[in-house]
């Protein structure tokens, strides 16, 4: 999986997913990240519509670290500079 390979190489401090993205399979990607010892500890955040309770539950089951409503805009994302 490309994302896992990229995460192994880049060693990100966090990965943010759009859980509503119909072009990808974010839940399978998160599950693969959490199953790989090299990326298992990378924090994950998923953005999802608050009305998708089944998707929110599935995201928690595969190990998504935090869930945010898609109504939240980027000014609410805490970022630190290196």
Protein backbone atom coordinates (compact mmCIF):
# COMPACT_ATOMS: atom_id res chain seq x y z
CA UNK A 1 0.00 0.00 0.00
CA UNK A 2 1.49 3.34 -1.08
CA UNK A 3 0.45 5.27 2.01
CA UNK A 4 2.12 2.82 4.38
CA UNK A 5 5.34 2.87 2.36
CA UNK A 6 5.30 6.66 2.27
CA UNK A 7 4.66 6.83 6.03
CA UNK A 8 7.56 4.45 6.70
CA UNK A 9 9.86 6.67 4.67
CA UNK A 10 8.60 10.10 5.79
CA UNK A 11 7.98 9.23 9.45
CA UNK A 12 5.19 11.80 9.88
CA UNK A 13 4.17 13.12 13.28
CA UNK A 14 0.48 12.75 12.36
CA UNK A 15 -1.64 11.63 9.39
CA UNK A 16 -5.01 13.24 8.65
CA UNK A 17 -7.64 11.33 6.67
CA UNK A 18 -10.86 12.35 4.94
CA UNK A 19 -12.98 9.39 5.97
CA UNK A 20 -15.75 10.40 3.54
CA UNK A 21 -13.44 10.23 0.50
CA UNK A 22 -15.13 7.92 -2.04
CA UNK A 23 -11.97 7.57 -4.19
CA UNK A 24 -9.87 5.89 -1.52
CA UNK A 25 -10.37 3.38 1.26
CA UNK A 26 -9.22 5.34 4.31
CA UNK A 27 -10.30 2.65 6.79
CA UNK A 28 -8.18 0.00 5.05
CA UNK A 29 -5.29 2.46 4.98
CA UNK A 30 -5.55 3.17 8.71
CA UNK A 31 -5.81 -0.55 9.45
CA UNK A 32 -2.67 -1.18 7.37
CA UNK A 33 -0.81 1.63 9.12
CA UNK A 34 -1.76 0.28 12.55
CA UNK A 35 -0.76 -3.28 11.54
CA UNK A 36 2.74 -2.22 10.47
CA UNK A 37 5.16 -1.94 13.42
CA UNK A 38 7.01 0.92 11.69
CA UNK A 39 3.86 3.08 11.45
CA UNK A 40 1.58 1.72 14.18
CA UNK A 41 2.33 4.55 16.60
CA UNK A 42 1.77 7.39 14.12
CA UNK A 43 -1.25 9.37 15.39
CA UNK A 44 -4.19 9.46 12.98
CA UNK A 45 -7.05 11.93 12.73
CA UNK A 46 -10.12 11.33 10.60
CA UNK A 47 -12.49 13.98 9.33
CA UNK A 48 -16.02 12.70 8.80
CA UNK A 49 -19.56 14.02 8.64
CA UNK A 50 -21.15 13.81 12.07
CA UNK A 51 -24.14 11.99 10.57
CA UNK A 52 -22.11 8.91 9.56
CA UNK A 53 -22.30 7.02 12.86
CA UNK A 54 -21.49 3.70 11.18
CA UNK A 55 -18.36 5.15 9.57
CA UNK A 56 -17.30 6.72 12.87
CA UNK A 57 -17.68 3.34 14.62
CA UNK A 58 -15.75 1.55 11.86
CA UNK A 59 -12.95 4.15 12.07
CA UNK A 60 -12.63 3.57 15.81
CA UNK A 61 -12.48 -0.20 15.28
CA UNK A 62 -9.54 0.06 12.83
CA UNK A 63 -7.65 2.38 15.17
CA UNK A 64 -8.24 5.96 14.05
CA UNK A 65 -6.88 8.07 16.87
CA UNK A 66 -9.31 10.96 16.77
CA UNK A 67 -12.35 11.98 14.81
CA UNK A 68 -13.30 15.53 13.85
CA UNK A 69 -16.41 16.85 12.18
CA UNK A 70 -15.99 18.03 8.60
CA UNK A 71 -17.54 21.29 9.77
CA UNK A 72 -14.31 22.02 11.61
CA UNK A 73 -12.06 24.24 9.53
CA UNK A 74 -8.28 24.26 9.34
CA UNK A 75 -7.96 27.11 11.85
CA UNK A 76 -8.93 24.58 14.54
CA UNK A 77 -6.08 22.18 13.75
CA UNK A 78 -3.20 22.63 16.18
CA UNK A 79 0.04 22.71 14.24
CA UNK A 80 3.53 23.02 15.59
CA UNK A 81 6.58 24.21 13.72
CA UNK A 82 9.86 22.36 13.81
